[in-house]
PDB file of N, CA and C in Angstrom:
ATOM      1  N   MET A   1      21.504   0.821  53.746  1.00  0.00           N
ATOM      2  CA  MET A   1      22.632   0.377  52.971  1.00  0.00           C
ATOM      3  C   MET A   1      22.339  -0.940  52.264  1.00  0.00           C
ATOM      4  N   GLY A   2      21.389  -1.711  52.834  1.00  0.00           N
ATOM      5  CA  GLY A   2      21.017  -2.984  52.233  1.00  0.00           C
ATOM      6  C   GLY A   2      19.528  -3.224  52.374  1.00  0.00           C
ATOM      7  N   LEU A   3      19.013  -4.064  51.505  1.00  0.00           N
ATOM      8  CA  LEU A   3      17.591  -4.379  51.499  1.00  0.00           C
ATOM      9  C   LEU A   3      17.425  -5.812  51.031  1.00  0.00           C
ATOM     10  N   SER A   4      16.597  -6.546  51.740  1.00  0.00           N
ATOM     11  CA  SER A   4      16.324  -7.935  51.348  1.00  0.00           C
ATOM     12  C   SER A   4      14.942  -8.022  50.738  1.00  0.00           C
ATOM     13  N   LEU A   5      14.898  -8.414  49.499  1.00  0.00           N
ATOM     14  CA  LEU A   5      13.639  -8.683  48.793  1.00  0.00           C
ATOM     15  C   LEU A   5      13.767 -10.094  48.253  1.00  0.00           C
ATOM     16  N   TRP A   6      13.062 -10.999  48.880  1.00  0.00           N
ATOM     17  CA  TRP A   6      13.196 -12.422  48.569  1.00  0.00           C
ATOM     18  C   TRP A   6      13.307 -12.653  47.080  1.00  0.00           C
ATOM     19  N   PRO A   7      14.279 -13.364  46.634  1.00  0.00           N
ATOM     20  CA  PRO A   7      15.412 -14.008  47.296  1.00  0.00           C
ATOM     21  C   PRO A   7      16.711 -13.207  47.177  1.00  0.00           C
ATOM     22  N   PHE A   8      16.607 -11.905  46.997  1.00  0.00           N
ATOM     23  CA  PHE A   8      17.783 -11.078  46.712  1.00  0.00           C
ATOM     24  C   PHE A   8      18.160 -10.185  47.884  1.00  0.00           C
ATOM     25  N   ILE A   9      19.441  -9.874  47.958  1.00  0.00           N
ATOM     26  CA  ILE A   9      19.942  -8.824  48.838  1.00  0.00           C
ATOM     27  C   ILE A   9      20.417  -7.713  47.920  1.00  0.00           C
ATOM     28  N   ILE A  10      19.838  -6.538  48.074  1.00  0.00           N
ATOM     29  CA  ILE A  10      20.174  -5.386  47.246  1.00  0.00           C
ATOM     30  C   ILE A  10      21.023  -4.435  48.090  1.00  0.00           C
ATOM     31  N   LEU A  11      22.188  -4.099  47.574  1.00  0.00           N
ATOM     32  CA  LEU A  11      23.116  -3.238  48.298  1.00  0.00           C
ATOM     33  C   LEU A  11      23.263  -1.896  47.601  1.00  0.00           C
ATOM     34  N   LYS A  12      23.439  -0.858  48.395  1.00  0.00           N
ATOM     35  CA  LYS A  12      23.576   0.497  47.863  1.00  0.00           C
ATOM     36  C   LYS A  12      24.837   0.641  47.017  1.00  0.00           C
ATOM     37  N   GLU A  13      25.905  -0.064  47.438  1.00  0.00           N
ATOM     38  CA  GLU A  13      27.177   0.005  46.733  1.00  0.00           C
ATOM     39  C   GLU A  13      27.785  -1.384  46.637  1.00  0.00           C
ATOM     40  N   ASP A  14      28.490  -1.660  45.551  1.00  0.00           N
ATOM     41  CA  ASP A  14      29.146  -2.959  45.371  1.00  0.00           C
ATOM     42  C   ASP A  14      30.151  -3.262  46.474  1.00  0.00           C
ATOM     43  N   SER A  15      30.784  -2.232  47.001  1.00  0.00           N
ATOM     44  CA  SER A  15      31.795  -2.438  48.043  1.00  0.00           C
ATOM     45  C   SER A  15      31.200  -3.068  49.306  1.00  0.00           C
ATOM     46  N   LEU A  16      29.898  -2.987  49.480  1.00  0.00           N
ATOM     47  CA  LEU A  16      29.239  -3.536  50.666  1.00  0.00           C
ATOM     48  C   LEU A  16      29.146  -5.063  50.623  1.00  0.00           C
ATOM     49  N   LYS A  17      29.455  -5.655  49.474  1.00  0.00           N
ATOM     50  CA  LYS A  17      29.417  -7.119  49.354  1.00  0.00           C
ATOM     51  C   LYS A  17      30.365  -7.799  50.334  1.00  0.00           C
ATOM     52  N   THR A  18      31.376  -7.095  50.767  1.00  0.00           N
ATOM     53  CA  THR A  18      32.355  -7.670  51.695  1.00  0.00           C
ATOM     54  C   THR A  18      32.043  -7.360  53.161  1.00  0.00           C
ATOM     55  N   ASP A  19      30.969  -6.639  53.411  1.00  0.00           N
ATOM     56  CA  ASP A  19      30.573  -6.297  54.780  1.00  0.00           C
ATOM     57  C   ASP A  19      29.805  -7.483  55.374  1.00  0.00           C
ATOM     58  N   GLU A  20      30.516  -8.336  56.089  1.00  0.00           N
ATOM     59  CA  GLU A  20      29.924  -9.571  56.619  1.00  0.00           C
ATOM     60  C   GLU A  20      28.768  -9.314  57.571  1.00  0.00           C
ATOM     61  N   VAL A  21      28.862  -8.275  58.370  1.00  0.00           N
ATOM     62  CA  VAL A  21      27.800  -7.967  59.330  1.00  0.00           C
ATOM     63  C   VAL A  21      26.526  -7.559  58.589  1.00  0.00           C
ATOM     64  N   LEU A  22      26.655  -6.689  57.609  1.00  0.00           N
ATOM     65  CA  LEU A  22      25.494  -6.263  56.824  1.00  0.00           C
ATOM     66  C   LEU A  22      24.869  -7.442  56.083  1.00  0.00           C
ATOM     67  N   ILE A  23      25.692  -8.262  55.463  1.00  0.00           N
ATOM     68  CA  ILE A  23      25.181  -9.420  54.727  1.00  0.00           C
ATOM     69  C   ILE A  23      24.478 -10.383  55.679  1.00  0.00           C
ATOM     70  N   ASN A  24      25.032 -10.602  56.861  1.00  0.00           N
ATOM     71  CA  ASN A  24      24.390 -11.475  57.844  1.00  0.00           C
ATOM     72  C   ASN A  24      23.055 -10.896  58.287  1.00  0.00           C
ATOM     73  N   HIS A  25      23.002  -9.592  58.515  1.00  0.00           N
ATOM     74  CA  HIS A  25      21.753  -8.906  58.880  1.00  0.00           C
ATOM     75  C   HIS A  25      20.687  -9.171  57.814  1.00  0.00           C
ATOM     76  N   GLU A  26      21.061  -9.001  56.568  1.00  0.00           N
ATOM     77  CA  GLU A  26      20.101  -9.195  55.475  1.00  0.00           C
ATOM     78  C   GLU A  26      19.732 -10.669  55.310  1.00  0.00           C
ATOM     79  N   ARG A  27      20.639 -11.576  55.575  1.00  0.00           N
ATOM     80  CA  ARG A  27      20.307 -13.010  55.518  1.00  0.00           C
ATOM     81  C   ARG A  27      19.306 -13.389  56.608  1.00  0.00           C
ATOM     82  N   ILE A  28      19.402 -12.741  57.748  1.00  0.00           N
ATOM     83  CA  ILE A  28      18.412 -12.976  58.806  1.00  0.00           C
ATOM     84  C   ILE A  28      17.037 -12.572  58.288  1.00  0.00           C
ATOM     85  N   HIS A  29      16.968 -11.442  57.597  1.00  0.00           N
ATOM     86  CA  HIS A  29      15.685 -11.021  57.009  1.00  0.00           C
ATOM     87  C   HIS A  29      15.188 -12.030  55.962  1.00  0.00           C
ATOM     88  N   LEU A  30      16.090 -12.560  55.167  1.00  0.00           N
ATOM     89  CA  LEU A  30      15.673 -13.564  54.176  1.00  0.00           C
ATOM     90  C   LEU A  30      15.073 -14.786  54.861  1.00  0.00           C
ATOM     91  N   ARG A  31      15.652 -15.197  55.972  1.00  0.00           N
ATOM     92  CA  ARG A  31      15.107 -16.336  56.722  1.00  0.00           C
ATOM     93  C   ARG A  31      13.731 -15.993  57.279  1.00  0.00           C
ATOM     94  N   GLN A  32      13.571 -14.795  57.813  1.00  0.00           N
ATOM     95  CA  GLN A  32      12.272 -14.350  58.319  1.00  0.00           C
ATOM     96  C   GLN A  32      11.235 -14.356  57.199  1.00  0.00           C
ATOM     97  N   GLN A  33      11.621 -13.860  56.040  1.00  0.00           N
ATOM     98  CA  GLN A  33      10.709 -13.811  54.901  1.00  0.00           C
ATOM     99  C   GLN A  33      10.295 -15.210  54.479  1.00  0.00           C
ATOM    100  N   ARG A  34      11.254 -16.115  54.411  1.00  0.00           N
ATOM    101  CA  ARG A  34      10.969 -17.484  53.991  1.00  0.00           C
ATOM    102  C   ARG A  34      10.027 -18.194  54.959  1.00  0.00           C
ATOM    103  N   GLU A  35      10.269 -18.049  56.251  1.00  0.00           N
ATOM    104  CA  GLU A  35       9.428 -18.768  57.203  1.00  0.00           C
ATOM    105  C   GLU A  35       8.012 -18.199  57.268  1.00  0.00           C
ATOM    106  N   LEU A  36       7.830 -16.957  56.856  1.00  0.00           N
ATOM    107  CA  LEU A  36       6.484 -16.374  56.816  1.00  0.00           C
ATOM    108  C   LEU A  36       5.882 -16.422  55.413  1.00  0.00           C
ATOM    109  N   LEU A  37       6.504 -17.170  54.540  1.00  0.00           N
ATOM    110  CA  LEU A  37       6.024 -17.352  53.162  1.00  0.00           C
ATOM    111  C   LEU A  37       5.979 -16.039  52.385  1.00  0.00           C
ATOM    112  N   ILE A  38       6.923 -15.214  52.631  1.00  0.00           N
ATOM    113  CA  ILE A  38       7.268 -13.981  51.927  1.00  0.00           C
ATOM    114  C   ILE A  38       6.224 -12.867  52.031  1.00  0.00           C
ATOM    115  N   LEU A  39       5.097 -12.961  51.387  1.00  0.00           N
ATOM    116  CA  LEU A  39       4.126 -11.864  51.395  1.00  0.00           C
ATOM    117  C   LEU A  39       3.664 -11.501  52.802  1.00  0.00           C
ATOM    118  N   PRO A  40       3.308 -12.464  53.662  1.00  0.00           N
ATOM    119  CA  PRO A  40       2.919 -12.082  55.030  1.00  0.00           C
ATOM    120  C   PRO A  40       4.028 -11.334  55.777  1.00  0.00           C
ATOM    121  N   PHE A  41       5.285 -11.656  55.485  1.00  0.00           N
ATOM    122  CA  PHE A  41       6.394 -10.918  56.109  1.00  0.00           C
ATOM    123  C   PHE A  41       6.256  -9.433  55.802  1.00  0.00           C
ATOM    124  N   TYR A  42       6.088  -9.101  54.528  1.00  0.00           N
ATOM    125  CA  TYR A  42       6.011  -7.695  54.144  1.00  0.00           C
ATOM    126  C   TYR A  42       4.782  -7.012  54.736  1.00  0.00           C
ATOM    127  N   LEU A  43       3.671  -7.717  54.789  1.00  0.00           N
ATOM    128  CA  LEU A  43       2.457  -7.147  55.387  1.00  0.00           C
ATOM    129  C   LEU A  43       2.648  -6.885  56.877  1.00  0.00           C
ATOM    130  N   LEU A  44       3.249  -7.839  57.576  1.00  0.00           N
ATOM    131  CA  LEU A  44       3.509  -7.665  59.012  1.00  0.00           C
ATOM    132  C   LEU A  44       4.548  -6.570  59.253  1.00  0.00           C
ATOM    133  N   TYR A  45       5.571  -6.536  58.428  1.00  0.00           N
ATOM    134  CA  TYR A  45       6.630  -5.529  58.571  1.00  0.00           C
ATOM    135  C   TYR A  45       6.037  -4.127  58.453  1.00  0.00           C
ATOM    136  N   ILE A  46       5.260  -3.904  57.404  1.00  0.00           N
ATOM    137  CA  ILE A  46       4.654  -2.579  57.180  1.00  0.00           C
ATOM    138  C   ILE A  46       3.650  -2.252  58.272  1.00  0.00           C
ATOM    139  N   SER A  47       2.845  -3.229  58.670  1.00  0.00           N
ATOM    140  CA  SER A  47       1.853  -3.005  59.728  1.00  0.00           C
ATOM    141  C   SER A  47       2.524  -2.633  61.038  1.00  0.00           C
ATOM    142  N   GLU A  48       3.571  -3.371  61.381  1.00  0.00           N
ATOM    143  CA  GLU A  48       4.269  -3.084  62.628  1.00  0.00           C
ATOM    144  C   GLU A  48       4.932  -1.703  62.571  1.00  0.00           C
ATOM    145  N   TRP A  49       5.517  -1.353  61.430  1.00  0.00           N
ATOM    146  CA  TRP A  49       6.129  -0.040  61.287  1.00  0.00           C
ATOM    147  C   TRP A  49       5.087   1.072  61.431  1.00  0.00           C
ATOM    148  N   LEU A  50       3.936   0.895  60.802  1.00  0.00           N
ATOM    149  CA  LEU A  50       2.872   1.910  60.904  1.00  0.00           C
ATOM    150  C   LEU A  50       2.387   2.066  62.348  1.00  0.00           C
ATOM    151  N   LEU A  51       2.141   0.949  63.013  1.00  0.00           N
ATOM    152  CA  LEU A  51       1.677   0.990  64.402  1.00  0.00           C
ATOM    153  C   LEU A  51       2.711   1.662  65.299  1.00  0.00           C
ATOM    154  N   ARG A  52       3.955   1.281  65.146  1.00  0.00           N
ATOM    155  CA  ARG A  52       5.000   1.871  65.995  1.00  0.00           C
ATOM    156  C   ARG A  52       5.257   3.341  65.655  1.00  0.00           C
ATOM    157  N   THR A  53       5.051   3.725  64.414  1.00  0.00           N
ATOM    158  CA  THR A  53       5.183   5.137  64.047  1.00  0.00           C
ATOM    159  C   THR A  53       4.136   5.967  64.783  1.00  0.00           C
ATOM    160  N   VAL A  54       2.935   5.448  64.864  1.00  0.00           N
ATOM    161  CA  VAL A  54       1.871   6.138  65.601  1.00  0.00           C
ATOM    162  C   VAL A  54       2.207   6.180  67.097  1.00  0.00           C
ATOM    163  N   LEU A  55       2.699   5.059  67.624  1.00  0.00           N
ATOM    164  CA  LEU A  55       3.024   4.992  69.054  1.00  0.00           C
ATOM    165  C   LEU A  55       4.173   5.917  69.439  1.00  0.00           C
ATOM    166  N   TYR A  56       5.231   5.936  68.624  1.00  0.00           N
ATOM    167  CA  TYR A  56       6.421   6.718  68.952  1.00  0.00           C
ATOM    168  C   TYR A  56       6.431   8.116  68.341  1.00  0.00           C
ATOM    169  N   LEU A  57       5.555   8.348  67.365  1.00  0.00           N
ATOM    170  CA  LEU A  57       5.541   9.609  66.619  1.00  0.00           C
ATOM    171  C   LEU A  57       6.917   9.906  66.017  1.00  0.00           C
ATOM    172  N   ASP A  58       7.576   8.841  65.598  1.00  0.00           N
ATOM    173  CA  ASP A  58       8.920   8.957  65.038  1.00  0.00           C
ATOM    174  C   ASP A  58       9.140   7.740  64.145  1.00  0.00           C
ATOM    175  N   SER A  59       9.215   7.945  62.844  1.00  0.00           N
ATOM    176  CA  SER A  59       9.295   6.818  61.915  1.00  0.00           C
ATOM    177  C   SER A  59      10.608   6.048  62.026  1.00  0.00           C
ATOM    178  N   TYR A  60      11.720   6.742  62.305  1.00  0.00           N
ATOM    179  CA  TYR A  60      12.993   6.036  62.433  1.00  0.00           C
ATOM    180  C   TYR A  60      13.028   5.203  63.705  1.00  0.00           C
ATOM    181  N   ARG A  61      12.527   5.730  64.789  1.00  0.00           N
ATOM    182  CA  ARG A  61      12.447   4.949  66.033  1.00  0.00           C
ATOM    183  C   ARG A  61      11.514   3.757  65.841  1.00  0.00           C
ATOM    184  N   ALA A  62      10.444   3.952  65.090  1.00  0.00           N
ATOM    185  CA  ALA A  62       9.525   2.856  64.782  1.00  0.00           C
ATOM    186  C   ALA A  62      10.256   1.766  64.012  1.00  0.00           C
ATOM    187  N   TYR A  63      11.026   2.150  63.007  1.00  0.00           N
ATOM    188  CA  TYR A  63      11.814   1.194  62.221  1.00  0.00           C
ATOM    189  C   TYR A  63      12.759   0.403  63.122  1.00  0.00           C
ATOM    190  N   GLN A  64      13.463   1.098  64.005  1.00  0.00           N
ATOM    191  CA  GLN A  64      14.421   0.440  64.894  1.00  0.00           C
ATOM    192  C   GLN A  64      13.758  -0.571  65.826  1.00  0.00           C
ATOM    193  N   ASN A  65      12.469  -0.407  66.077  1.00  0.00           N
ATOM    194  CA  ASN A  65      11.773  -1.272  67.021  1.00  0.00           C
ATOM    195  C   ASN A  65      10.874  -2.312  66.378  1.00  0.00           C
ATOM    196  N   ILE A  66      10.898  -2.428  65.072  1.00  0.00           N
ATOM    197  CA  ILE A  66      10.185  -3.509  64.400  1.00  0.00           C
ATOM    198  C   ILE A  66      10.828  -4.816  64.845  1.00  0.00           C
ATOM    199  N   SER A  67      10.018  -5.792  65.197  1.00  0.00           N
ATOM    200  CA  SER A  67      10.550  -7.054  65.731  1.00  0.00           C
ATOM    201  C   SER A  67      11.560  -7.700  64.781  1.00  0.00           C
ATOM    202  N   PHE A  68      11.311  -7.655  63.494  1.00  0.00           N
ATOM    203  CA  PHE A  68      12.222  -8.243  62.511  1.00  0.00           C
ATOM    204  C   PHE A  68      13.588  -7.543  62.552  1.00  0.00           C
ATOM    205  N   GLU A  69      13.559  -6.229  62.673  1.00  0.00           N
ATOM    206  CA  GLU A  69      14.805  -5.459  62.735  1.00  0.00           C
ATOM    207  C   GLU A  69      15.529  -5.689  64.055  1.00  0.00           C
ATOM    208  N   ARG A  70      14.780  -5.747  65.138  1.00  0.00           N
ATOM    209  CA  ARG A  70      15.407  -5.961  66.440  1.00  0.00           C
ATOM    210  C   ARG A  70      16.143  -7.297  66.475  1.00  0.00           C
ATOM    211  N   GLU A  71      15.512  -8.340  65.918  1.00  0.00           N
ATOM    212  CA  GLU A  71      16.188  -9.639  65.864  1.00  0.00           C
ATOM    213  C   GLU A  71      17.447  -9.546  65.005  1.00  0.00           C
ATOM    214  N   ALA A  72      17.331  -8.946  63.833  1.00  0.00           N
ATOM    215  CA  ALA A  72      18.473  -8.868  62.915  1.00  0.00           C
ATOM    216  C   ALA A  72      19.612  -8.044  63.517  1.00  0.00           C
ATOM    217  N   TYR A  73      19.300  -6.912  64.123  1.00  0.00           N
ATOM    218  CA  TYR A  73      20.352  -6.097  64.737  1.00  0.00           C
ATOM    219  C   TYR A  73      20.981  -6.807  65.934  1.00  0.00           C
ATOM    220  N   ALA A  74      20.189  -7.516  66.707  1.00  0.00           N
ATOM    221  CA  ALA A  74      20.706  -8.207  67.895  1.00  0.00           C
ATOM    222  C   ALA A  74      21.696  -9.309  67.536  1.00  0.00           C
ATOM    223  N   HIS A  75      21.555  -9.896  66.352  1.00  0.00           N
ATOM    224  CA  HIS A  75      22.364 -11.061  65.999  1.00  0.00           C
ATOM    225  C   HIS A  75      23.218 -10.890  64.750  1.00  0.00           C
ATOM    226  N   GLU A  76      23.279  -9.673  64.199  1.00  0.00           N
ATOM    227  CA  GLU A  76      23.997  -9.478  62.941  1.00  0.00           C
ATOM    228  C   GLU A  76      25.495  -9.777  63.045  1.00  0.00           C
ATOM    229  N   LYS A  77      26.072  -9.661  64.222  1.00  0.00           N
ATOM    230  CA  LYS A  77      27.511  -9.923  64.384  1.00  0.00           C
ATOM    231  C   LYS A  77      27.810 -11.386  64.692  1.00  0.00           C
ATOM    232  N   ASP A  78      26.777 -12.168  64.916  1.00  0.00           N
ATOM    233  CA  ASP A  78      26.931 -13.599  65.199  1.00  0.00           C
ATOM    234  C   ASP A  78      26.769 -14.369  63.890  1.00  0.00           C
ATOM    235  N   MET A  79      27.887 -14.721  63.278  1.00  0.00           N
ATOM    236  CA  MET A  79      27.851 -15.365  61.974  1.00  0.00           C
ATOM    237  C   MET A  79      27.300 -16.795  62.039  1.00  0.00           C
ATOM    238  N   GLN A  80      27.137 -17.333  63.227  1.00  0.00           N
ATOM    239  CA  GLN A  80      26.577 -18.681  63.391  1.00  0.00           C
ATOM    240  C   GLN A  80      25.092 -18.640  63.764  1.00  0.00           C
ATOM    241  N   TYR A  81      24.541 -17.438  63.897  1.00  0.00           N
ATOM    242  CA  TYR A  81      23.168 -17.305  64.384  1.00  0.00           C
ATOM    243  C   TYR A  81      22.152 -18.085  63.553  1.00  0.00           C
ATOM    244  N   LEU A  82      22.225 -18.001  62.262  1.00  0.00           N
ATOM    245  CA  LEU A  82      21.221 -18.669  61.429  1.00  0.00           C
ATOM    246  C   LEU A  82      21.261 -20.188  61.569  1.00  0.00           C
ATOM    247  N   SER A  83      22.404 -20.738  61.910  1.00  0.00           N
ATOM    248  CA  SER A  83      22.490 -22.194  62.075  1.00  0.00           C
ATOM    249  C   SER A  83      21.866 -22.661  63.383  1.00  0.00           C
ATOM    250  N   LYS A  84      21.710 -21.760  64.338  1.00  0.00           N
ATOM    251  CA  LYS A  84      21.124 -22.139  65.624  1.00  0.00           C
ATOM    252  C   LYS A  84      19.799 -21.429  65.908  1.00  0.00           C
ATOM    253  N   ARG A  85      19.373 -20.574  65.022  1.00  0.00           N
ATOM    254  CA  ARG A  85      18.144 -19.791  65.203  1.00  0.00           C
ATOM    255  C   ARG A  85      16.923 -20.698  65.204  1.00  0.00           C
ATOM    256  N   LYS A  86      16.013 -20.422  66.146  1.00  0.00           N
ATOM    257  CA  LYS A  86      14.757 -21.154  66.196  1.00  0.00           C
ATOM    258  C   LYS A  86      13.764 -20.518  65.219  1.00  0.00           C
ATOM    259  N   THR A  87      12.885 -21.332  64.676  1.00  0.00           N
ATOM    260  CA  THR A  87      11.850 -20.843  63.771  1.00  0.00           C
ATOM    261  C   THR A  87      11.026 -19.765  64.480  1.00  0.00           C
ATOM    262  N   PHE A  88      10.694 -18.724  63.753  1.00  0.00           N
ATOM    263  CA  PHE A  88       9.941 -17.584  64.264  1.00  0.00           C
ATOM    264  C   PHE A  88      10.671 -16.899  65.421  1.00  0.00           C
ATOM    265  N   GLY A  89      11.991 -16.861  65.317  1.00  0.00           N
ATOM    266  CA  GLY A  89      12.811 -16.243  66.353  1.00  0.00           C
ATOM    267  C   GLY A  89      12.497 -14.770  66.598  1.00  0.00           C
ATOM    268  N   PHE A  90      11.915 -14.115  65.630  1.00  0.00           N
ATOM    269  CA  PHE A  90      11.569 -12.695  65.780  1.00  0.00           C
ATOM    270  C   PHE A  90      10.467 -12.464  66.795  1.00  0.00           C
ATOM    271  N   LEU A  91       9.673 -13.512  67.105  1.00  0.00           N
ATOM    272  CA  LEU A  91       8.530 -13.337  68.003  1.00  0.00           C
ATOM    273  C   LEU A  91       8.920 -12.844  69.382  1.00  0.00           C
ATOM    274  N   LYS A  92      10.080 -13.241  69.867  1.00  0.00           N
ATOM    275  CA  LYS A  92      10.476 -12.795  71.190  1.00  0.00           C
ATOM    276  C   LYS A  92      10.836 -11.308  71.211  1.00  0.00           C
ATOM    277  N   TYR A  93      10.956 -10.695  70.035  1.00  0.00           N
ATOM    278  CA  TYR A  93      11.247  -9.266  69.931  1.00  0.00           C
ATOM    279  C   TYR A  93       9.982  -8.448  69.645  1.00  0.00           C
ATOM    280  N   LEU A  94       8.865  -9.114  69.573  1.00  0.00           N
ATOM    281  CA  LEU A  94       7.611  -8.433  69.210  1.00  0.00           C
ATOM    282  C   LEU A  94       7.122  -7.497  70.295  1.00  0.00           C
ATOM    283  N   THR A  95       7.242  -7.893  71.534  1.00  0.00           N
ATOM    284  CA  THR A  95       6.763  -7.050  72.631  1.00  0.00           C
ATOM    285  C   THR A  95       7.913  -6.258  73.227  1.00  0.00           C
ATOM    286  N   ARG A  96       7.622  -5.013  73.503  1.00  0.00           N
ATOM    287  CA  ARG A  96       8.593  -4.134  74.139  1.00  0.00           C
ATOM    288  C   ARG A  96       8.083  -2.731  74.114  1.00  0.00           C
TER     289      ARG A  96
END
């Protein structure tokens, strides 16, 4: 429904602009992208997705378990998360 491509959030429908949880989820991704200097974020994201796809033999399950996604899903309802988030907060979601 949404996609973050630094520095933009692209939404499938205009009505999603009011979805605070979705927007917060995508803002978490923007922060991840910024702290990894953008291009490395995309390289790591794709690499992790490919590795997990091989491990799980399921691309959607692989997507759900990407560390960046796990962090964003875990905190998307916490509208204060970005103000208290530690740098490289996704790292604690890398192993599992």
